Amino acid sequence: FVERHPHYEVVGVAPTGAEALRALSEQRPDVMLL
């Protein structure tokens, strides 16, 4: 769904809270779907 939006790109998928926090620190996303 996200990749079909012309103004968004997915930089990561995190299956746990710990991995989400790690990805937030490393990937520096603009938006998080939580």
Full PDB file with SEQRES, HELIX, SHEET, SSBOND, CRYST1, ORIGX, SCALE, CONECT and MASTER records, all heavy atoms in Angstrom:
SEQRES   1 A   34  PHE VAL GLU ARG HIS PRO HIS TYR GLU VAL VAL GLY VAL          
SEQRES   2 A   34  ALA PRO THR GLY ALA GLU ALA LEU ARG ALA LEU SER GLU          
SEQRES   3 A   34  GLN ARG PRO ASP VAL MET LEU LEU                              
HELIX    1 AA1 VAL A    2  ARG A    4  5                                   3    
HELIX    2 AA2 GLY A   17  GLN A   27  1                                  11    
CRYST1    1.000    1.000    1.000  90.00  90.00  90.00 P 1           1          
ORIGX1      1.000000  0.000000  0.000000        0.00000                         
ORIGX2      0.000000  1.000000  0.000000        0.00000                         
ORIGX3      0.000000  0.000000  1.000000        0.00000                         
SCALE1      1.000000  0.000000  0.000000        0.00000                         
SCALE2      0.000000  1.000000  0.000000        0.00000                         
SCALE3      0.000000  0.000000  1.000000        0.00000                         
ATOM      1  N   PHE A   1       0.833  -1.204   0.000  1.00  0.00           N  
ATOM      2  CA  PHE A   1       0.000   0.000   0.000  1.00  0.00           C  
ATOM      3  C   PHE A   1       0.868   1.255   0.000  1.00  0.00           C  
ATOM      4  O   PHE A   1       0.631   2.200  -0.764  1.00  0.00           O  
ATOM      5  CB  PHE A   1      -0.905   0.020   1.231  1.00  0.00           C  
ATOM      6  CG  PHE A   1      -2.079  -0.930   1.161  1.00  0.00           C  
ATOM      7  CD1 PHE A   1      -2.925  -1.078   2.259  1.00  0.00           C  
ATOM      8  CD2 PHE A   1      -2.346  -1.666   0.016  1.00  0.00           C  
ATOM      9  CE1 PHE A   1      -4.006  -1.941   2.209  1.00  0.00           C  
ATOM     10  CE2 PHE A   1      -3.432  -2.539  -0.044  1.00  0.00           C  
ATOM     11  CZ  PHE A   1      -4.262  -2.670   1.063  1.00  0.00           C  
ATOM     12  N   VAL A   2       1.870   1.279   0.894  1.00  0.00           N  
ATOM     13  CA  VAL A   2       2.731   2.461   0.998  1.00  0.00           C  
ATOM     14  C   VAL A   2       3.498   2.691  -0.297  1.00  0.00           C  
ATOM     15  O   VAL A   2       3.603   3.825  -0.786  1.00  0.00           O  
ATOM     16  CB  VAL A   2       3.714   2.319   2.183  1.00  0.00           C  
ATOM     17  CG1 VAL A   2       4.711   3.485   2.201  1.00  0.00           C  
ATOM     18  CG2 VAL A   2       2.954   2.263   3.510  1.00  0.00           C  
ATOM     19  N   GLU A   3       4.026   1.625  -0.878  1.00  0.00           N  
ATOM     20  CA  GLU A   3       4.847   1.781  -2.074  1.00  0.00           C  
ATOM     21  C   GLU A   3       4.030   2.159  -3.304  1.00  0.00           C  
ATOM     22  O   GLU A   3       4.599   2.598  -4.311  1.00  0.00           O  
ATOM     23  CB  GLU A   3       5.638   0.490  -2.321  1.00  0.00           C  
ATOM     24  CG  GLU A   3       6.719   0.276  -1.256  1.00  0.00           C  
ATOM     25  CD  GLU A   3       7.522  -0.989  -1.459  1.00  0.00           C  
ATOM     26  OE1 GLU A   3       7.019  -1.909  -2.148  1.00  0.00           O  
ATOM     27  OE2 GLU A   3       8.646  -1.064  -0.935  1.00  0.00           O  
ATOM     28  N   ARG A   4       2.707   2.009  -3.219  1.00  0.00           N  
ATOM     29  CA  ARG A   4       1.854   2.479  -4.315  1.00  0.00           C  
ATOM     30  C   ARG A   4       1.578   3.976  -4.207  1.00  0.00           C  
ATOM     31  O   ARG A   4       1.005   4.561  -5.127  1.00  0.00           O  
ATOM     32  CB  ARG A   4       0.534   1.703  -4.333  1.00  0.00           C  
ATOM     33  CG  ARG A   4       0.678   0.272  -4.822  1.00  0.00           C  
ATOM     34  CD  ARG A   4      -0.687  -0.389  -4.971  1.00  0.00           C  
ATOM     35  NE  ARG A   4      -0.579  -1.762  -5.439  1.00  0.00           N  
ATOM     36  CZ  ARG A   4      -0.511  -2.827  -4.638  1.00  0.00           C  
ATOM     37  NH1 ARG A   4      -0.548  -2.657  -3.313  1.00  0.00           N  
ATOM     38  NH2 ARG A   4      -0.415  -4.044  -5.137  1.00  0.00           N  
ATOM     39  N   HIS A   5       1.949   4.581  -3.093  1.00  0.00           N  
ATOM     40  CA  HIS A   5       1.785   6.030  -2.951  1.00  0.00           C  
ATOM     41  C   HIS A   5       2.980   6.711  -3.600  1.00  0.00           C  
ATOM     42  O   HIS A   5       4.128   6.384  -3.290  1.00  0.00           O  
ATOM     43  CB  HIS A   5       1.694   6.414  -1.473  1.00  0.00           C  
ATOM     44  CG  HIS A   5       1.179   7.810  -1.260  1.00  0.00           C  
ATOM     45  ND1 HIS A   5       1.907   8.932  -1.623  1.00  0.00           N  
ATOM     46  CD2 HIS A   5       0.000   8.274  -0.735  1.00  0.00           C  
ATOM     47  CE1 HIS A   5       1.212  10.014  -1.323  1.00  0.00           C  
ATOM     48  NE2 HIS A   5       0.061   9.648  -0.804  1.00  0.00           N  
ATOM     49  N   PRO A   6       2.768   7.670  -4.488  1.00  0.00           N  
ATOM     50  CA  PRO A   6       3.890   8.256  -5.245  1.00  0.00           C  
ATOM     51  C   PRO A   6       4.869   9.078  -4.407  1.00  0.00           C  
ATOM     52  O   PRO A   6       5.972   9.369  -4.879  1.00  0.00           O  
ATOM     53  CB  PRO A   6       3.185   9.149  -6.277  1.00  0.00           C  
ATOM     54  CG  PRO A   6       1.857   9.470  -5.666  1.00  0.00           C  
ATOM     55  CD  PRO A   6       1.462   8.226  -4.907  1.00  0.00           C  
ATOM     56  N   HIS A   7       4.488   9.437  -3.184  1.00  0.00           N  
ATOM     57  CA  HIS A   7       5.346  10.321  -2.387  1.00  0.00           C  
ATOM     58  C   HIS A   7       5.972   9.633  -1.179  1.00  0.00           C  
ATOM     59  O   HIS A   7       6.524  10.312  -0.301  1.00  0.00           O  
ATOM     60  CB  HIS A   7       4.543  11.540  -1.930  1.00  0.00           C  
ATOM     61  CG  HIS A   7       4.009  12.360  -3.068  1.00  0.00           C  
ATOM     62  ND1 HIS A   7       4.823  13.051  -3.931  1.00  0.00           N  
ATOM     63  CD2 HIS A   7       2.734  12.558  -3.489  1.00  0.00           C  
ATOM     64  CE1 HIS A   7       4.073  13.662  -4.842  1.00  0.00           C  
ATOM     65  NE2 HIS A   7       2.817  13.378  -4.596  1.00  0.00           N  
ATOM     66  N   TYR A   8       5.893   8.293  -1.135  1.00  0.00           N  
ATOM     67  CA  TYR A   8       6.433   7.561   0.009  1.00  0.00           C  
ATOM     68  C   TYR A   8       7.305   6.403  -0.461  1.00  0.00           C  
ATOM     69  O   TYR A   8       7.074   5.834  -1.529  1.00  0.00           O  
ATOM     70  CB  TYR A   8       5.307   7.003   0.881  1.00  0.00           C  
ATOM     71  CG  TYR A   8       4.663   8.052   1.772  1.00  0.00           C  
ATOM     72  CD1 TYR A   8       3.697   8.916   1.264  1.00  0.00           C  
ATOM     73  CD2 TYR A   8       5.016   8.179   3.116  1.00  0.00           C  
ATOM     74  CE1 TYR A   8       3.109   9.885   2.070  1.00  0.00           C  
ATOM     75  CE2 TYR A   8       4.434   9.127   3.922  1.00  0.00           C  
ATOM     76  CZ  TYR A   8       3.487   9.987   3.392  1.00  0.00           C  
ATOM     77  OH  TYR A   8       2.908  10.945   4.195  1.00  0.00           O  
ATOM     78  N   GLU A   9       8.275   6.048   0.355  1.00  0.00           N  
ATOM     79  CA  GLU A   9       9.067   4.848   0.140  1.00  0.00           C  
ATOM     80  C   GLU A   9       9.287   4.158   1.480  1.00  0.00           C  
ATOM     81  O   GLU A   9       9.384   4.813   2.520  1.00  0.00           O  
ATOM     82  CB  GLU A   9      10.417   5.185  -0.493  1.00  0.00           C  
ATOM     83  CG  GLU A   9      11.323   6.064   0.351  1.00  0.00           C  
ATOM     84  CD  GLU A   9      12.652   6.328  -0.310  1.00  0.00           C  
ATOM     85  OE1 GLU A   9      12.995   5.572  -1.246  1.00  0.00           O  
ATOM     86  OE2 GLU A   9      13.352   7.274   0.099  1.00  0.00           O  
ATOM     87  N   VAL A  10       9.344   2.830   1.472  1.00  0.00           N  
ATOM     88  CA  VAL A  10       9.552   2.045   2.689  1.00  0.00           C  
ATOM     89  C   VAL A  10      11.056   1.819   2.858  1.00  0.00           C  
ATOM     90  O   VAL A  10      11.720   1.299   1.961  1.00  0.00           O  
ATOM     91  CB  VAL A  10       8.807   0.700   2.622  1.00  0.00           C  
ATOM     92  CG1 VAL A  10       9.122  -0.145   3.861  1.00  0.00           C  
ATOM     93  CG2 VAL A  10       7.305   0.935   2.500  1.00  0.00           C  
ATOM     94  N   VAL A  11      11.575   2.199   4.033  1.00  0.00           N  
ATOM     95  CA  VAL A  11      13.009   2.019   4.294  1.00  0.00           C  
ATOM     96  C   VAL A  11      13.274   0.887   5.280  1.00  0.00           C  
ATOM     97  O   VAL A  11      14.434   0.550   5.542  1.00  0.00           O  
ATOM     98  CB  VAL A  11      13.645   3.324   4.823  1.00  0.00           C  
ATOM     99  CG1 VAL A  11      13.568   4.408   3.765  1.00  0.00           C  
ATOM    100  CG2 VAL A  11      12.982   3.781   6.125  1.00  0.00           C  
ATOM    101  N   GLY A  12      12.208   0.290   5.824  1.00  0.00           N  
ATOM    102  CA  GLY A  12      12.404  -0.822   6.745  1.00  0.00           C  
ATOM    103  C   GLY A  12      11.107  -1.349   7.297  1.00  0.00           C  
ATOM    104  O   GLY A  12      10.087  -0.655   7.315  1.00  0.00           O  
ATOM    105  N   VAL A  13      11.148  -2.614   7.723  1.00  0.00           N  
ATOM    106  CA  VAL A  13      10.013  -3.254   8.399  1.00  0.00           C  
ATOM    107  C   VAL A  13      10.543  -3.872   9.683  1.00  0.00           C  
ATOM    108  O   VAL A  13      11.490  -4.667   9.652  1.00  0.00           O  
ATOM    109  CB  VAL A  13       9.369  -4.345   7.514  1.00  0.00           C  
ATOM    110  CG1 VAL A  13       8.244  -5.042   8.278  1.00  0.00           C  
ATOM    111  CG2 VAL A  13       8.836  -3.741   6.213  1.00  0.00           C  
ATOM    112  N   ALA A  14       9.952  -3.509  10.816  1.00  0.00           N  
ATOM    113  CA  ALA A  14      10.409  -4.004  12.116  1.00  0.00           C  
ATOM    114  C   ALA A  14       9.291  -4.827  12.762  1.00  0.00           C  
ATOM    115  O   ALA A  14       8.193  -4.315  12.962  1.00  0.00           O  
ATOM    116  CB  ALA A  14      10.792  -2.842  13.031  1.00  0.00           C  
ATOM    117  N   PRO A  15       9.558  -6.093  13.111  1.00  0.00           N  
ATOM    118  CA  PRO A  15       8.523  -6.945  13.702  1.00  0.00           C  
ATOM    119  C   PRO A  15       8.426  -6.835  15.228  1.00  0.00           C  
ATOM    120  O   PRO A  15       7.526  -7.430  15.816  1.00  0.00           O  
ATOM    121  CB  PRO A  15       8.958  -8.345  13.279  1.00  0.00           C  
ATOM    122  CG  PRO A  15      10.445  -8.257  13.211  1.00  0.00           C  
ATOM    123  CD  PRO A  15      10.766  -6.866  12.744  1.00  0.00           C  
ATOM    124  N   THR A  16       9.333  -6.132  15.864  1.00  0.00           N  
ATOM    125  CA  THR A  16       9.302  -5.988  17.326  1.00  0.00           C  
ATOM    126  C   THR A  16       9.547  -4.535  17.711  1.00  0.00           C  
ATOM    127  O   THR A  16      10.056  -3.729  16.910  1.00  0.00           O  
ATOM    128  CB  THR A  16      10.389  -6.854  18.007  1.00  0.00           C  
ATOM    129  OG1 THR A  16      11.692  -6.321  17.658  1.00  0.00           O  
ATOM    130  CG2 THR A  16      10.290  -8.307  17.563  1.00  0.00           C  
ATOM    131  N   GLY A  17       9.227  -4.224  18.958  1.00  0.00           N  
ATOM    132  CA  GLY A  17       9.471  -2.877  19.445  1.00  0.00           C  
ATOM    133  C   GLY A  17      10.949  -2.548  19.500  1.00  0.00           C  
ATOM    134  O   GLY A  17      11.370  -1.440  19.144  1.00  0.00           O  
ATOM    135  N   ALA A  18      11.764  -3.523  19.937  1.00  0.00           N  
ATOM    136  CA  ALA A  18      13.209  -3.295  20.027  1.00  0.00           C  
ATOM    137  C   ALA A  18      13.801  -2.999  18.655  1.00  0.00           C  
ATOM    138  O   ALA A  18      14.635  -2.095  18.497  1.00  0.00           O  
ATOM    139  CB  ALA A  18      13.889  -4.504  20.656  1.00  0.00           C  
ATOM    140  N   GLU A  19      13.372  -3.766  17.644  1.00  0.00           N  
ATOM    141  CA  GLU A  19      13.884  -3.534  16.297  1.00  0.00           C  
ATOM    142  C   GLU A  19      13.378  -2.207  15.743  1.00  0.00           C  
ATOM    143  O   GLU A  19      14.072  -1.539  14.966  1.00  0.00           O  
ATOM    144  CB  GLU A  19      13.487  -4.693  15.385  1.00  0.00           C  
ATOM    145  CG  GLU A  19      14.206  -5.999  15.706  1.00  0.00           C  
ATOM    146  CD  GLU A  19      13.907  -7.093  14.700  1.00  0.00           C  
ATOM    147  OE1 GLU A  19      13.985  -6.816  13.485  1.00  0.00           O  
ATOM    148  OE2 GLU A  19      13.593  -8.208  15.134  1.00  0.00           O  
ATOM    149  N   ALA A  20      12.175  -1.823  16.137  1.00  0.00           N  
ATOM    150  CA  ALA A  20      11.647  -0.528  15.705  1.00  0.00           C  
ATOM    151  C   ALA A  20      12.508   0.607  16.247  1.00  0.00           C  
ATOM    152  O   ALA A  20      12.870   1.537  15.510  1.00  0.00           O  
ATOM    153  CB  ALA A  20      10.203  -0.370  16.179  1.00  0.00           C  
ATOM    154  N   LEU A  21      12.860   0.539  17.530  1.00  0.00           N  
ATOM    155  CA  LEU A  21      13.688   1.586  18.125  1.00  0.00           C  
ATOM    156  C   LEU A  21      15.069   1.631  17.473  1.00  0.00           C  
ATOM    157  O   LEU A  21      15.635   2.707  17.259  1.00  0.00           O  
ATOM    158  CB  LEU A  21      13.807   1.354  19.634  1.00  0.00           C  
ATOM    159  CG  LEU A  21      12.496   1.550  20.421  1.00  0.00           C  
ATOM    160  CD1 LEU A  21      12.647   1.031  21.838  1.00  0.00           C  
ATOM    161  CD2 LEU A  21      12.096   3.022  20.425  1.00  0.00           C  
ATOM    162  N   ARG A  22      15.595   0.446  17.149  1.00  0.00           N  
ATOM    163  CA  ARG A  22      16.891   0.397  16.482  1.00  0.00           C  
ATOM    164  C   ARG A  22      16.794   1.015  15.076  1.00  0.00           C  
ATOM    165  O   ARG A  22      17.669   1.794  14.659  1.00  0.00           O  
ATOM    166  CB  ARG A  22      17.379  -1.043  16.386  1.00  0.00           C  
ATOM    167  CG  ARG A  22      18.806  -1.185  15.857  1.00  0.00           C  
ATOM    168  CD  ARG A  22      19.249  -2.632  15.783  1.00  0.00           C  
ATOM    169  NE  ARG A  22      19.052  -3.317  17.064  1.00  0.00           N  
ATOM    170  CZ  ARG A  22      18.178  -4.290  17.281  1.00  0.00           C  
ATOM    171  NH1 ARG A  22      17.410  -4.710  16.280  1.00  0.00           N  
ATOM    172  NH2 ARG A  22      18.064  -4.853  18.452  1.00  0.00           N  
ATOM    173  N   ALA A  23      15.740   0.664  14.362  1.00  0.00           N  
ATOM    174  CA  ALA A  23      15.560   1.185  13.010  1.00  0.00           C  
ATOM    175  C   ALA A  23      15.331   2.695  13.017  1.00  0.00           C  
ATOM    176  O   ALA A  23      15.800   3.407  12.126  1.00  0.00           O  
ATOM    177  CB  ALA A  23      14.385   0.481  12.328  1.00  0.00           C  
ATOM    178  N   LEU A  24      14.626   3.187  14.033  1.00  0.00           N  
ATOM    179  CA  LEU A  24      14.409   4.632  14.143  1.00  0.00           C  
ATOM    180  C   LEU A  24      15.736   5.361  14.279  1.00  0.00           C  
ATOM    181  O   LEU A  24      15.948   6.431  13.696  1.00  0.00           O  
ATOM    182  CB  LEU A  24      13.512   4.941  15.342  1.00  0.00           C  
ATOM    183  CG  LEU A  24      12.024   4.624  15.179  1.00  0.00           C  
ATOM    184  CD1 LEU A  24      11.324   4.620  16.524  1.00  0.00           C  
ATOM    185  CD2 LEU A  24      11.378   5.635  14.230  1.00  0.00           C  
ATOM    186  N   SER A  25      16.649   4.770  15.056  1.00  0.00           N  
ATOM    187  CA  SER A  25      17.956   5.381  15.262  1.00  0.00           C  
ATOM    188  C   SER A  25      18.833   5.290  14.026  1.00  0.00           C  
ATOM    189  O   SER A  25      19.544   6.251  13.680  1.00  0.00           O  
ATOM    190  CB  SER A  25      18.656   4.706  16.445  1.00  0.00           C  
ATOM    191  OG  SER A  25      19.955   5.215  16.631  1.00  0.00           O  
ATOM    192  N   GLU A  26      18.774   4.160  13.325  1.00  0.00           N  
ATOM    193  CA  GLU A  26      19.678   3.940  12.200  1.00  0.00           C  
ATOM    194  C   GLU A  26      19.135   4.499  10.881  1.00  0.00           C  
ATOM    195  O   GLU A  26      19.882   5.057  10.076  1.00  0.00           O  
ATOM    196  CB  GLU A  26      19.942   2.437  12.049  1.00  0.00           C  
ATOM    197  CG  GLU A  26      20.689   1.829  13.241  1.00  0.00           C  
ATOM    198  CD  GLU A  26      20.822   0.317  13.134  1.00  0.00           C  
ATOM    199  OE1 GLU A  26      20.247  -0.262  12.182  1.00  0.00           O  
ATOM    200  OE2 GLU A  26      21.493  -0.281  13.996  1.00  0.00           O  
ATOM    201  N   GLN A  27      17.816   4.339  10.648  1.00  0.00           N  
ATOM    202  CA  GLN A  27      17.239   4.726   9.365  1.00  0.00           C  
ATOM    203  C   GLN A  27      16.767   6.173   9.320  1.00  0.00           C  
ATOM    204  O   GLN A  27      16.639   6.755   8.240  1.00  0.00           O  
ATOM    205  CB  GLN A  27      16.067   3.793   9.010  1.00  0.00           C  
ATOM    206  CG  GLN A  27      16.439   2.335   8.852  1.00  0.00           C  
ATOM    207  CD  GLN A  27      17.276   2.084   7.613  1.00  0.00           C  
ATOM    208  OE1 GLN A  27      17.325   2.910   6.696  1.00  0.00           O  
ATOM    209  NE2 GLN A  27      17.966   0.951   7.579  1.00  0.00           N  
ATOM    210  N   ARG A  28      16.444   6.737  10.480  1.00  0.00           N  
ATOM    211  CA  ARG A  28      15.953   8.115  10.556  1.00  0.00           C  
ATOM    212  C   ARG A  28      14.771   8.353   9.604  1.00  0.00           C  
ATOM    213  O   ARG A  28      14.805   9.226   8.730  1.00  0.00           O  
ATOM    214  CB  ARG A  28      17.065   9.106  10.217  1.00  0.00           C  
ATOM    215  CG  ARG A  28      18.284   9.002  11.116  1.00  0.00           C  
ATOM    216  CD  ARG A  28      17.992   9.537  12.493  1.00  0.00           C  
ATOM    217  NE  ARG A  28      19.179   9.504  13.346  1.00  0.00           N  
ATOM    218  CZ  ARG A  28      19.198   9.925  14.601  1.00  0.00           C  
ATOM    219  NH1 ARG A  28      18.102  10.407  15.142  1.00  0.00           N  
ATOM    220  NH2 ARG A  28      20.307   9.856  15.313  1.00  0.00           N  
ATOM    221  N   PRO A  29      13.694   7.560   9.743  1.00  0.00           N  
ATOM    222  CA  PRO A  29      12.550   7.734   8.838  1.00  0.00           C  
ATOM    223  C   PRO A  29      11.805   9.039   9.115  1.00  0.00           C  
ATOM    224  O   PRO A  29      11.928   9.627  10.197  1.00  0.00           O  
ATOM    225  CB  PRO A  29      11.672   6.526   9.152  1.00  0.00           C  
ATOM    226  CG  PRO A  29      11.970   6.232  10.590  1.00  0.00           C  
ATOM    227  CD  PRO A  29      13.439   6.519  10.748  1.00  0.00           C  
ATOM    228  N   ASP A  30      11.034   9.474   8.125  1.00  0.00           N  
ATOM    229  CA  ASP A  30      10.165  10.639   8.303  1.00  0.00           C  
ATOM    230  C   ASP A  30       8.851  10.246   8.952  1.00  0.00           C  
ATOM    231  O   ASP A  30       8.245  11.047   9.678  1.00  0.00           O  
ATOM    232  CB  ASP A  30       9.869  11.281   6.937  1.00  0.00           C  
ATOM    233  CG  ASP A  30      11.118  11.698   6.204  1.00  0.00           C  
ATOM    234  OD1 ASP A  30      11.860  12.539   6.741  1.00  0.00           O  
ATOM    235  OD2 ASP A  30      11.361  11.161   5.104  1.00  0.00           O  
ATOM    236  N   VAL A  31       8.396   9.016   8.654  1.00  0.00           N  
ATOM    237  CA  VAL A  31       7.075   8.550   9.096  1.00  0.00           C  
ATOM    238  C   VAL A  31       7.198   7.116   9.595  1.00  0.00           C  
ATOM    239  O   VAL A  31       7.952   6.313   9.034  1.00  0.00           O  
ATOM    240  CB  VAL A  31       6.053   8.602   7.927  1.00  0.00           C  
ATOM    241  CG1 VAL A  31       4.670   8.145   8.393  1.00  0.00           C  
ATOM    242  CG2 VAL A  31       5.991  10.008   7.340  1.00  0.00           C  
ATOM    243  N   MET A  32       6.456   6.806  10.653  1.00  0.00           N  
ATOM    244  CA  MET A  32       6.410   5.431  11.153  1.00  0.00           C  
ATOM    245  C   MET A  32       4.959   4.969  11.209  1.00  0.00           C  
ATOM    246  O   MET A  32       4.100   5.644  11.782  1.00  0.00           O  
ATOM    247  CB  MET A  32       7.036   5.336  12.554  1.00  0.00           C  
ATOM    248  CG  MET A  32       6.915   3.944  13.182  1.00  0.00           C  
ATOM    249  SD  MET A  32       7.917   3.747  14.692  1.00  0.00           S  
ATOM    250  CE  MET A  32       7.200   4.980  15.786  1.00  0.00           C  
ATOM    251  N   LEU A  33       4.678   3.803  10.606  1.00  0.00           N  
ATOM    252  CA  LEU A  33       3.378   3.141  10.731  1.00  0.00           C  
ATOM    253  C   LEU A  33       3.520   2.136  11.858  1.00  0.00           C  
ATOM    254  O   LEU A  33       4.277   1.163  11.743  1.00  0.00           O  
ATOM    255  CB  LEU A  33       2.980   2.452   9.427  1.00  0.00           C  
ATOM    256  CG  LEU A  33       2.995   3.313   8.155  1.00  0.00           C  
ATOM    257  CD1 LEU A  33       2.412   2.526   6.990  1.00  0.00           C  
ATOM    258  CD2 LEU A  33       2.218   4.599   8.366  1.00  0.00           C  
ATOM    259  N   LEU A  34       2.792   2.335  12.941  1.00  0.00           N  
ATOM    260  CA  LEU A  34       3.055   1.614  14.184  1.00  0.00           C  
ATOM    261  C   LEU A  34       1.881   0.765  14.637  1.00  0.00           C  
ATOM    262  O   LEU A  34       0.779   1.284  14.871  1.00  0.00           O  
ATOM    263  CB  LEU A  34       3.412   2.623  15.278  1.00  0.00           C  
ATOM    264  CG  LEU A  34       3.696   2.070  16.670  1.00  0.00           C  
ATOM    265  CD1 LEU A  34       4.945   1.188  16.675  1.00  0.00           C  
ATOM    266  CD2 LEU A  34       3.853   3.216  17.661  1.00  0.00           C  
TER     267      LEU A  34                                                      
MASTER        0    0    0    2    0    0    0    6  266    1    0    3          
END                                                                             
